[in-house]
Amino acid sequence: RVFSMIPGLENAEFVRYGVMHRNSFLNSPKLLNRDFSLRTNKHIFFA
């Protein structure tokens, strides 16, 4: 309804609508070294 108000999109065919999803991340400054290895276990890296 709303995006069809955009000039030129009055009759637009939407093949995918916008979606929202949860993203997660580490508190890396407390946990990771500059090489992306875990400070408490050098055999585990995150990327």
All heavy atoms as atom14 arrays in JSON, in Angstrom:
{
  "sequence": "RVFSMIPGLENAEFVRYGVMHRNSFLNSPKLLNRDFSLRTNKHIFFA",
  "atom14_mask": [
    [1, 1, 1, 1, 1, 1, 1, 1, 1, 1, 1, 0, 0, 0],
    [1, 1, 1, 1, 1, 1, 1, 0, 0, 0, 0, 0, 0, 0],
    [1, 1, 1, 1, 1, 1, 1, 1, 1, 1, 1, 0, 0, 0],
    [1, 1, 1, 1, 1, 1, 0, 0, 0, 0, 0, 0, 0, 0],
    [1, 1, 1, 1, 1, 1, 1, 1, 0, 0, 0, 0, 0, 0],
    [1, 1, 1, 1, 1, 1, 1, 1, 0, 0, 0, 0, 0, 0],
    [1, 1, 1, 1, 1, 1, 1, 0, 0, 0, 0, 0, 0, 0],
    [1, 1, 1, 1, 0, 0, 0, 0, 0, 0, 0, 0, 0, 0],
    [1, 1, 1, 1, 1, 1, 1, 1, 0, 0, 0, 0, 0, 0],
    [1, 1, 1, 1, 1, 1, 1, 1, 1, 0, 0, 0, 0, 0],
    [1, 1, 1, 1, 1, 1, 1, 1, 0, 0, 0, 0, 0, 0],
    [1, 1, 1, 1, 1, 0, 0, 0, 0, 0, 0, 0, 0, 0],
    [1, 1, 1, 1, 1, 1, 1, 1, 1, 0, 0, 0, 0, 0],
    [1, 1, 1, 1, 1, 1, 1, 1, 1, 1, 1, 0, 0, 0],
    [1, 1, 1, 1, 1, 1, 1, 0, 0, 0, 0, 0, 0, 0],
    [1, 1, 1, 1, 1, 1, 1, 1, 1, 1, 1, 0, 0, 0],
    [1, 1, 1, 1, 1, 1, 1, 1, 1, 1, 1, 1, 0, 0],
    [1, 1, 1, 1, 0, 0, 0, 0, 0, 0, 0, 0, 0, 0],
    [1, 1, 1, 1, 1, 1, 1, 0, 0, 0, 0, 0, 0, 0],
    [1, 1, 1, 1, 1, 1, 1, 1, 0, 0, 0, 0, 0, 0],
    [1, 1, 1, 1, 1, 1, 1, 1, 1, 1, 0, 0, 0, 0],
    [1, 1, 1, 1, 1, 1, 1, 1, 1, 1, 1, 0, 0, 0],
    [1, 1, 1, 1, 1, 1, 1, 1, 0, 0, 0, 0, 0, 0],
    [1, 1, 1, 1, 1, 1, 0, 0, 0, 0, 0, 0, 0, 0],
    [1, 1, 1, 1, 1, 1, 1, 1, 1, 1, 1, 0, 0, 0],
    [1, 1, 1, 1, 1, 1, 1, 1, 0, 0, 0, 0, 0, 0],
    [1, 1, 1, 1, 1, 1, 1, 1, 0, 0, 0, 0, 0, 0],
    [1, 1, 1, 1, 1, 1, 0, 0, 0, 0, 0, 0, 0, 0],
    [1, 1, 1, 1, 1, 1, 1, 0, 0, 0, 0, 0, 0, 0],
    [1, 1, 1, 1, 1, 1, 1, 1, 1, 0, 0, 0, 0, 0],
    [1, 1, 1, 1, 1, 1, 1, 1, 0, 0, 0, 0, 0, 0],
    [1, 1, 1, 1, 1, 1, 1, 1, 0, 0, 0, 0, 0, 0],
    [1, 1, 1, 1, 1, 1, 1, 1, 0, 0, 0, 0, 0, 0],
    [1, 1, 1, 1, 1, 1, 1, 1, 1, 1, 1, 0, 0, 0],
    [1, 1, 1, 1, 1, 1, 1, 1, 0, 0, 0, 0, 0, 0],
    [1, 1, 1, 1, 1, 1, 1, 1, 1, 1, 1, 0, 0, 0],
    [1, 1, 1, 1, 1, 1, 0, 0, 0, 0, 0, 0, 0, 0],
    [1, 1, 1, 1, 1, 1, 1, 1, 0, 0, 0, 0, 0, 0],
    [1, 1, 1, 1, 1, 1, 1, 1, 1, 1, 1, 0, 0, 0],
    [1, 1, 1, 1, 1, 1, 1, 0, 0, 0, 0, 0, 0, 0],
    [1, 1, 1, 1, 1, 1, 1, 1, 0, 0, 0, 0, 0, 0],
    [1, 1, 1, 1, 1, 1, 1, 1, 1, 0, 0, 0, 0, 0],
    [1, 1, 1, 1, 1, 1, 1, 1, 1, 1, 0, 0, 0, 0],
    [1, 1, 1, 1, 1, 1, 1, 1, 0, 0, 0, 0, 0, 0],
    [1, 1, 1, 1, 1, 1, 1, 1, 1, 1, 1, 0, 0, 0],
    [1, 1, 1, 1, 1, 1, 1, 1, 1, 1, 1, 0, 0, 0],
    [1, 1, 1, 1, 1, 0, 0, 0, 0, 0, 0, 0, 0, 0]
  ],
  "atom14_positions": [
    [[0.82, -1.21, 0.0], [0.0, 0.0, 0.0], [0.85, 1.26, 0.0], [0.65, 2.16, -0.83], [-0.92, 0.0, 1.23], [-1.82, 1.25, 1.33], [-2.67, 1.21, 2.57], [-1.9, 1.36, 3.8], [-1.52, 2.54, 4.3], [-1.82, 3.66, 3.66], [-0.84, 2.59, 5.44], [0.0, 0.0, 0.0], [0.0, 0.0, 0.0], [0.0, 0.0, 0.0]],
    [[1.82, 1.34, 0.92], [2.59, 2.57, 1.09], [3.63, 2.75, -0.02], [3.76, 3.84, -0.59], [3.27, 2.59, 2.47], [4.13, 3.84, 2.62], [2.22, 2.55, 3.58], [0.0, 0.0, 0.0], [0.0, 0.0, 0.0], [0.0, 0.0, 0.0], [0.0, 0.0, 0.0], [0.0, 0.0, 0.0], [0.0, 0.0, 0.0], [0.0, 0.0, 0.0]],
    [[4.33, 1.68, -0.37], [5.38, 1.83, -1.38], [4.81, 2.03, -2.79], [5.5, 2.5, -3.69], [6.34, 0.64, -1.34], [7.11, 0.54, -0.04], [7.63, -0.67, 0.39], [7.3, 1.65, 0.76], [8.33, -0.77, 1.58], [7.99, 1.58, 1.97], [8.51, 0.36, 2.38], [0.0, 0.0, 0.0], [0.0, 0.0, 0.0], [0.0, 0.0, 0.0]],
    [[3.53, 1.68, -2.97], [2.88, 1.96, -4.25], [2.57, 3.45, -4.41], [2.15, 3.88, -5.49], [1.59, 1.14, -4.37], [1.88, -0.25, -4.48], [0.0, 0.0, 0.0], [0.0, 0.0, 0.0], [0.0, 0.0, 0.0], [0.0, 0.0, 0.0], [0.0, 0.0, 0.0], [0.0, 0.0, 0.0], [0.0, 0.0, 0.0], [0.0, 0.0, 0.0]],
    [[2.78, 4.23, -3.34], [2.63, 5.68, -3.44], [3.87, 6.33, -4.06], [3.84, 7.51, -4.4], [2.4, 6.28, -2.04], [1.1, 5.87, -1.39], [0.95, 6.57, 0.28], [0.87, 8.33, -0.08], [0.0, 0.0, 0.0], [0.0, 0.0, 0.0], [0.0, 0.0, 0.0], [0.0, 0.0, 0.0], [0.0, 0.0, 0.0], [0.0, 0.0, 0.0]],
    [[4.94, 5.58, -4.18], [6.16, 6.11, -4.78], [5.91, 6.35, -6.27], [5.45, 5.44, -6.97], [7.33, 5.12, -4.59], [7.64, 4.94, -3.09], [8.57, 5.6, -5.34], [8.64, 3.83, -2.8], [0.0, 0.0, 0.0], [0.0, 0.0, 0.0], [0.0, 0.0, 0.0], [0.0, 0.0, 0.0], [0.0, 0.0, 0.0], [0.0, 0.0, 0.0]],
    [[6.16, 7.55, -6.77], [5.91, 7.83, -8.19], [6.62, 6.84, -9.1], [7.84, 6.66, -9.01], [6.48, 9.25, -8.36], [6.32, 9.87, -7.0], [6.62, 8.75, -6.04], [0.0, 0.0, 0.0], [0.0, 0.0, 0.0], [0.0, 0.0, 0.0], [0.0, 0.0, 0.0], [0.0, 0.0, 0.0], [0.0, 0.0, 0.0], [0.0, 0.0, 0.0]],
    [[5.86, 6.17, -9.94], [6.41, 5.16, -10.82], [6.2, 3.74, -10.33], [6.33, 2.78, -11.09], [0.0, 0.0, 0.0], [0.0, 0.0, 0.0], [0.0, 0.0, 0.0], [0.0, 0.0, 0.0], [0.0, 0.0, 0.0], [0.0, 0.0, 0.0], [0.0, 0.0, 0.0], [0.0, 0.0, 0.0], [0.0, 0.0, 0.0], [0.0, 0.0, 0.0]],
    [[5.84, 3.61, -9.05], [5.63, 2.27, -8.48], [4.16, 2.01, -8.16], [3.84, 1.09, -7.42], [6.47, 2.08, -7.21], [7.99, 2.19, -7.35], [8.68, 1.74, -6.05], [8.51, 1.38, -8.53], [0.0, 0.0, 0.0], [0.0, 0.0, 0.0], [0.0, 0.0, 0.0], [0.0, 0.0, 0.0], [0.0, 0.0, 0.0], [0.0, 0.0, 0.0]],
    [[3.27, 2.81, -8.73], [1.84, 2.66, -8.44], [1.33, 1.26, -8.76], [0.47, 0.73, -8.07], [1.04, 3.7, -9.24], [1.24, 5.14, -8.78], [2.44, 5.8, -9.47], [3.2, 5.08, -10.18], [2.61, 7.02, -9.31], [0.0, 0.0, 0.0], [0.0, 0.0, 0.0], [0.0, 0.0, 0.0], [0.0, 0.0, 0.0], [0.0, 0.0, 0.0]],
    [[1.88, 0.64, -9.8], [1.45, -0.7, -10.19], [2.62, -1.69, -10.15], [2.63, -2.68, -10.88], [0.86, -0.66, -11.61], [-0.38, 0.21, -11.69], [-1.35, -0.01, -10.96], [-0.35, 1.21, -12.56], [0.0, 0.0, 0.0], [0.0, 0.0, 0.0], [0.0, 0.0, 0.0], [0.0, 0.0, 0.0], [0.0, 0.0, 0.0], [0.0, 0.0, 0.0]],
    [[3.57, -1.41, -9.27], [4.78, -2.25, -9.19], [4.44, -3.66, -8.72], [3.59, -3.85, -7.85], [5.8, -1.61, -8.27], [0.0, 0.0, 0.0], [0.0, 0.0, 0.0], [0.0, 0.0, 0.0], [0.0, 0.0, 0.0], [0.0, 0.0, 0.0], [0.0, 0.0, 0.0], [0.0, 0.0, 0.0], [0.0, 0.0, 0.0], [0.0, 0.0, 0.0]],
    [[5.15, -4.63, -9.3], [5.02, -6.02, -8.87], [6.16, -6.33, -7.89], [7.33, -6.27, -8.25], [5.12, -6.97, -10.07], [5.06, -8.43, -9.69], [5.34, -9.35, -10.86], [5.58, -8.85, -11.98], [5.36, -10.58, -10.65], [0.0, 0.0, 0.0], [0.0, 0.0, 0.0], [0.0, 0.0, 0.0], [0.0, 0.0, 0.0], [0.0, 0.0, 0.0]],
    [[5.81, -6.62, -6.66], [6.81, -6.91, -5.62], [7.11, -8.42, -5.64], [6.25, -9.24, -5.33], [6.29, -6.49, -4.25], [6.24, -5.0, -4.06], [5.16, -4.26, -4.53], [7.26, -4.32, -3.42], [5.1, -2.89, -4.38], [7.22, -2.95, -3.25], [6.14, -2.22, -3.73], [0.0, 0.0, 0.0], [0.0, 0.0, 0.0], [0.0, 0.0, 0.0]],
    [[8.33, -8.76, -6.02], [8.71, -10.17, -6.03], [9.26, -10.61, -4.68], [9.37, -11.81, -4.4], [9.75, -10.47, -7.14], [9.14, -10.22, -8.5], [11.01, -9.62, -6.96], [0.0, 0.0, 0.0], [0.0, 0.0, 0.0], [0.0, 0.0, 0.0], [0.0, 0.0, 0.0], [0.0, 0.0, 0.0], [0.0, 0.0, 0.0], [0.0, 0.0, 0.0]],
    [[9.64, -9.64, -3.85], [10.03, -9.93, -2.47], [9.74, -8.7, -1.63], [10.12, -7.59, -1.99], [11.52, -10.28, -2.35], [11.91, -10.74, -0.95], [13.43, -10.81, -0.74], [14.01, -9.48, -0.59], [15.32, -9.24, -0.51], [16.17, -10.24, -0.61], [15.77, -8.01, -0.38], [0.0, 0.0, 0.0], [0.0, 0.0, 0.0], [0.0, 0.0, 0.0]],
    [[9.05, -8.91, -0.53], [8.83, -7.82, 0.4], [10.0, -7.74, 1.38], [10.76, -8.7, 1.56], [7.51, -8.01, 1.15], [6.29, -7.77, 0.3], [5.49, -8.83, -0.11], [5.96, -6.49, -0.1], [4.36, -8.61, -0.91], [4.84, -6.26, -0.9], [4.06, -7.32, -1.3], [2.96, -7.1, -2.1], [0.0, 0.0, 0.0], [0.0, 0.0, 0.0]],
    [[10.13, -6.58, 1.99], [11.18, -6.41, 2.99], [10.92, -7.28, 4.21], [9.77, -7.53, 4.56], [0.0, 0.0, 0.0], [0.0, 0.0, 0.0], [0.0, 0.0, 0.0], [0.0, 0.0, 0.0], [0.0, 0.0, 0.0], [0.0, 0.0, 0.0], [0.0, 0.0, 0.0], [0.0, 0.0, 0.0], [0.0, 0.0, 0.0], [0.0, 0.0, 0.0]],
    [[11.99, -7.75, 4.82], [11.86, -8.61, 6.0], [12.83, -8.13, 7.08], [13.8, -7.44, 6.79], [12.15, -10.09, 5.69], [11.1, -10.66, 4.76], [13.54, -10.25, 5.07], [0.0, 0.0, 0.0], [0.0, 0.0, 0.0], [0.0, 0.0, 0.0], [0.0, 0.0, 0.0], [0.0, 0.0, 0.0], [0.0, 0.0, 0.0], [0.0, 0.0, 0.0]],
    [[12.54, -8.52, 8.3], [13.42, -8.18, 9.42], [13.82, -9.45, 10.14], [13.04, -10.38, 10.26], [12.7, -7.25, 10.38], [13.44, -6.99, 11.68], [13.07, -5.38, 12.37], [14.19, -4.38, 11.4], [0.0, 0.0, 0.0], [0.0, 0.0, 0.0], [0.0, 0.0, 0.0], [0.0, 0.0, 0.0], [0.0, 0.0, 0.0], [0.0, 0.0, 0.0]],
    [[15.08, -9.51, 10.57], [15.54, -10.67, 11.31], [16.55, -10.24, 12.37], [17.14, -9.17, 12.29], [16.16, -11.71, 10.38], [17.13, -11.15, 9.39], [16.77, -10.76, 8.12], [18.45, -10.89, 9.5], [17.82, -10.29, 7.48], [18.85, -10.36, 8.29], [0.0, 0.0, 0.0], [0.0, 0.0, 0.0], [0.0, 0.0, 0.0], [0.0, 0.0, 0.0]],
    [[16.72, -11.09, 13.35], [17.63, -10.79, 14.45], [19.08, -11.05, 14.06], [19.4, -12.05, 13.44], [17.29, -11.67, 15.66], [18.21, -11.48, 16.87], [17.92, -12.51, 17.95], [18.06, -13.87, 17.45], [19.24, -14.49, 17.33], [20.35, -13.89, 17.65], [19.28, -15.72, 16.86], [0.0, 0.0, 0.0], [0.0, 0.0, 0.0], [0.0, 0.0, 0.0]],
    [[19.95, -10.12, 14.37], [21.38, -10.3, 14.19], [22.05, -10.37, 15.55], [21.66, -9.65, 16.48], [21.98, -9.14, 13.4], [21.8, -9.33, 11.9], [21.28, -10.34, 11.45], [22.25, -8.36, 11.13], [0.0, 0.0, 0.0], [0.0, 0.0, 0.0], [0.0, 0.0, 0.0], [0.0, 0.0, 0.0], [0.0, 0.0, 0.0], [0.0, 0.0, 0.0]],
    [[23.05, -11.21, 15.67], [23.77, -11.34, 16.93], [25.26, -11.13, 16.72], [25.79, -11.44, 15.66], [23.54, -12.74, 17.53], [22.17, -12.97, 17.79], [0.0, 0.0, 0.0], [0.0, 0.0, 0.0], [0.0, 0.0, 0.0], [0.0, 0.0, 0.0], [0.0, 0.0, 0.0], [0.0, 0.0, 0.0], [0.0, 0.0, 0.0], [0.0, 0.0, 0.0]],
    [[25.92, -10.57, 17.72], [27.36, -10.39, 17.63], [27.97, -10.44, 19.02], [27.29, -10.27, 20.04], [27.71, -9.08, 16.92], [27.16, -7.84, 17.59], [27.96, -7.06, 18.41], [25.86, -7.44, 17.38], [27.46, -5.92, 19.02], [25.35, -6.29, 17.96], [26.16, -5.53, 18.79], [0.0, 0.0, 0.0], [0.0, 0.0, 0.0], [0.0, 0.0, 0.0]],
    [[29.27, -10.69, 19.05], [30.0, -10.77, 20.31], [30.37, -9.38, 20.81], [30.43, -8.43, 20.04], [31.3, -11.56, 20.1], [31.21, -12.99, 19.59], [32.61, -13.5, 19.27], [30.54, -13.89, 20.61], [0.0, 0.0, 0.0], [0.0, 0.0, 0.0], [0.0, 0.0, 0.0], [0.0, 0.0, 0.0], [0.0, 0.0, 0.0], [0.0, 0.0, 0.0]],
    [[30.65, -9.3, 22.09], [31.26, -8.09, 22.65], [32.76, -8.22, 22.41], [33.55, -8.42, 23.32], [30.94, -7.97, 24.13], [31.31, -6.61, 24.68], [31.8, -5.75, 23.96], [31.09, -6.41, 25.96], [0.0, 0.0, 0.0], [0.0, 0.0, 0.0], [0.0, 0.0, 0.0], [0.0, 0.0, 0.0], [0.0, 0.0, 0.0], [0.0, 0.0, 0.0]],
    [[33.12, -8.12, 21.14], [34.46, -8.49, 20.68], [35.61, -7.77, 21.37], [36.65, -8.38, 21.61], [34.55, -8.31, 19.17], [33.69, -9.21, 18.52], [0.0, 0.0, 0.0], [0.0, 0.0, 0.0], [0.0, 0.0, 0.0], [0.0, 0.0, 0.0], [0.0, 0.0, 0.0], [0.0, 0.0, 0.0], [0.0, 0.0, 0.0], [0.0, 0.0, 0.0]],
    [[35.5, -6.46, 21.68], [36.63, -5.8, 22.34], [37.06, -6.47, 23.64], [38.23, -6.36, 24.04], [36.1, -4.39, 22.59], [35.09, -4.18, 21.51], [34.42, -5.51, 21.35], [0.0, 0.0, 0.0], [0.0, 0.0, 0.0], [0.0, 0.0, 0.0], [0.0, 0.0, 0.0], [0.0, 0.0, 0.0], [0.0, 0.0, 0.0], [0.0, 0.0, 0.0]],
    [[36.15, -7.15, 24.31], [36.5, -7.85, 25.54], [36.94, -9.29, 25.3], [37.52, -9.92, 26.19], [35.31, -7.85, 26.51], [34.97, -6.49, 27.09], [33.88, -6.64, 28.14], [33.57, -5.3, 28.79], [32.52, -5.43, 29.84], [0.0, 0.0, 0.0], [0.0, 0.0, 0.0], [0.0, 0.0, 0.0], [0.0, 0.0, 0.0], [0.0, 0.0, 0.0]],
    [[36.66, -9.8, 24.1], [36.82, -11.23, 23.87], [37.85, -11.63, 22.84], [38.46, -12.7, 22.95], [35.46, -11.83, 23.46], [34.3, -11.64, 24.43], [33.0, -12.1, 23.78], [34.56, -12.41, 25.72], [0.0, 0.0, 0.0], [0.0, 0.0, 0.0], [0.0, 0.0, 0.0], [0.0, 0.0, 0.0], [0.0, 0.0, 0.0], [0.0, 0.0, 0.0]],
    [[38.08, -10.78, 21.83], [38.9, -11.2, 20.7], [40.22, -10.45, 20.6], [40.31, -9.27, 20.96], [38.13, -11.01, 19.39], [36.82, -11.77, 19.23], [36.25, -11.51, 17.84], [37.01, -13.26, 19.46], [0.0, 0.0, 0.0], [0.0, 0.0, 0.0], [0.0, 0.0, 0.0], [0.0, 0.0, 0.0], [0.0, 0.0, 0.0], [0.0, 0.0, 0.0]],
    [[41.22, -11.14, 20.08], [42.49, -10.53, 19.72], [42.37, -9.89, 18.34], [41.39, -10.11, 17.62], [43.61, -11.58, 19.69], [43.87, -12.17, 21.06], [44.07, -11.44, 22.03], [43.87, -13.49, 21.16], [0.0, 0.0, 0.0], [0.0, 0.0, 0.0], [0.0, 0.0, 0.0], [0.0, 0.0, 0.0], [0.0, 0.0, 0.0], [0.0, 0.0, 0.0]],
    [[43.4, -9.14, 17.93], [43.36, -8.47, 16.64], [43.31, -9.44, 15.47], [42.87, -9.11, 14.38], [44.56, -7.53, 16.48], [44.54, -6.34, 17.43], [45.72, -5.42, 17.2], [45.58, -4.67, 15.95], [46.54, -4.56, 15.05], [47.7, -5.19, 15.23], [46.36, -3.84, 13.96], [0.0, 0.0, 0.0], [0.0, 0.0, 0.0], [0.0, 0.0, 0.0]],
    [[43.78, -10.68, 15.69], [43.77, -11.68, 14.62], [42.46, -12.48, 14.6], [42.34, -13.47, 13.89], [44.96, -12.62, 14.73], [44.96, -13.45, 16.02], [44.04, -13.28, 16.84], [45.89, -14.26, 16.2], [0.0, 0.0, 0.0], [0.0, 0.0, 0.0], [0.0, 0.0, 0.0], [0.0, 0.0, 0.0], [0.0, 0.0, 0.0], [0.0, 0.0, 0.0]],
    [[41.48, -12.05, 15.4], [40.15, -12.65, 15.51], [40.14, -13.96, 16.31], [39.14, -14.68, 16.31], [39.51, -12.89, 14.13], [39.08, -11.61, 13.46], [39.96, -10.92, 12.64], [37.82, -11.09, 13.67], [39.58, -9.73, 12.03], [37.43, -9.9, 13.07], [38.32, -9.21, 12.25], [0.0, 0.0, 0.0], [0.0, 0.0, 0.0], [0.0, 0.0, 0.0]],
    [[41.24, -14.26, 17.0], [41.25, -15.42, 17.89], [40.68, -15.04, 19.25], [40.7, -13.86, 19.65], [42.67, -15.96, 18.06], [43.51, -15.02, 18.7], [0.0, 0.0, 0.0], [0.0, 0.0, 0.0], [0.0, 0.0, 0.0], [0.0, 0.0, 0.0], [0.0, 0.0, 0.0], [0.0, 0.0, 0.0], [0.0, 0.0, 0.0], [0.0, 0.0, 0.0]],
    [[40.15, -16.02, 19.94], [39.58, -15.8, 21.26], [40.7, -15.65, 22.28], [41.65, -16.44, 22.3], [38.69, -17.0, 21.62], [37.68, -16.86, 22.75], [36.68, -15.74, 22.46], [36.95, -18.19, 22.94], [0.0, 0.0, 0.0], [0.0, 0.0, 0.0], [0.0, 0.0, 0.0], [0.0, 0.0, 0.0], [0.0, 0.0, 0.0], [0.0, 0.0, 0.0]],
    [[40.61, -14.65, 23.12], [41.69, -14.39, 24.08], [41.89, -15.53, 25.05], [42.99, -15.8, 25.5], [41.4, -13.09, 24.84], [41.63, -11.86, 24.0], [41.35, -10.59, 24.75], [41.54, -9.44, 23.87], [40.95, -8.28, 24.0], [40.11, -8.1, 25.0], [41.19, -7.3, 23.15], [0.0, 0.0, 0.0], [0.0, 0.0, 0.0], [0.0, 0.0, 0.0]],
    [[40.81, -16.23, 25.38], [40.9, -17.3, 26.36], [41.19, -18.66, 25.73], [41.4, -19.64, 26.44], [39.57, -17.41, 27.14], [38.49, -17.59, 26.23], [39.34, -16.15, 27.97], [0.0, 0.0, 0.0], [0.0, 0.0, 0.0], [0.0, 0.0, 0.0], [0.0, 0.0, 0.0], [0.0, 0.0, 0.0], [0.0, 0.0, 0.0], [0.0, 0.0, 0.0]],
    [[41.21, -18.73, 24.4], [41.52, -19.99, 23.72], [42.01, -19.67, 22.31], [41.21, -19.42, 21.41], [40.31, -20.9, 23.67], [40.64, -22.31, 23.18], [41.49, -22.48, 22.3], [39.98, -23.3, 23.74], [0.0, 0.0, 0.0], [0.0, 0.0, 0.0], [0.0, 0.0, 0.0], [0.0, 0.0, 0.0], [0.0, 0.0, 0.0], [0.0, 0.0, 0.0]],
    [[43.32, -19.68, 22.1], [43.9, -19.25, 20.83], [43.56, -20.19, 19.67], [43.8, -19.85, 18.5], [45.42, -19.13, 20.95], [46.14, -20.44, 21.24], [47.63, -20.24, 21.36], [48.36, -21.56, 21.61], [49.82, -21.37, 21.73], [0.0, 0.0, 0.0], [0.0, 0.0, 0.0], [0.0, 0.0, 0.0], [0.0, 0.0, 0.0], [0.0, 0.0, 0.0]],
    [[42.99, -21.37, 19.96], [42.63, -22.31, 18.9], [41.23, -22.05, 18.35], [40.8, -22.73, 17.42], [42.7, -23.75, 19.41], [44.09, -24.25, 19.61], [44.81, -23.99, 20.77], [44.92, -24.94, 18.8], [46.01, -24.54, 20.67], [46.1, -25.12, 19.48], [0.0, 0.0, 0.0], [0.0, 0.0, 0.0], [0.0, 0.0, 0.0], [0.0, 0.0, 0.0]],
    [[40.52, -21.08, 18.91], [39.19, -20.74, 18.44], [39.2, -19.32, 17.89], [39.57, -18.37, 18.58], [38.14, -20.86, 19.55], [38.04, -22.32, 20.03], [36.78, -20.37, 19.07], [37.08, -22.53, 21.17], [0.0, 0.0, 0.0], [0.0, 0.0, 0.0], [0.0, 0.0, 0.0], [0.0, 0.0, 0.0], [0.0, 0.0, 0.0], [0.0, 0.0, 0.0]],
    [[38.81, -19.2, 16.62], [38.7, -17.91, 15.97], [37.22, -17.64, 15.66], [36.43, -18.57, 15.49], [39.47, -17.89, 14.64], [40.97, -17.95, 14.78], [41.6, -19.16, 15.06], [41.75, -16.83, 14.61], [42.98, -19.24, 15.17], [43.13, -16.88, 14.72], [43.75, -18.09, 14.99], [0.0, 0.0, 0.0], [0.0, 0.0, 0.0], [0.0, 0.0, 0.0]],
    [[36.88, -16.37, 15.58], [35.56, -15.97, 15.09], [35.77, -15.11, 13.85], [36.8, -14.44, 13.71], [34.79, -15.19, 16.15], [34.24, -16.04, 17.26], [35.04, -16.39, 18.34], [32.94, -16.52, 17.22], [34.55, -17.19, 19.37], [32.44, -17.32, 18.23], [33.24, -17.66, 19.31], [0.0, 0.0, 0.0], [0.0, 0.0, 0.0], [0.0, 0.0, 0.0]],
    [[34.8, -15.12, 12.94], [34.9, -14.31, 11.74], [33.5, -13.95, 11.25], [32.53, -14.66, 11.51], [35.66, -15.06, 10.65], [0.0, 0.0, 0.0], [0.0, 0.0, 0.0], [0.0, 0.0, 0.0], [0.0, 0.0, 0.0], [0.0, 0.0, 0.0], [0.0, 0.0, 0.0], [0.0, 0.0, 0.0], [0.0, 0.0, 0.0], [0.0, 0.0, 0.0]]
  ]
}
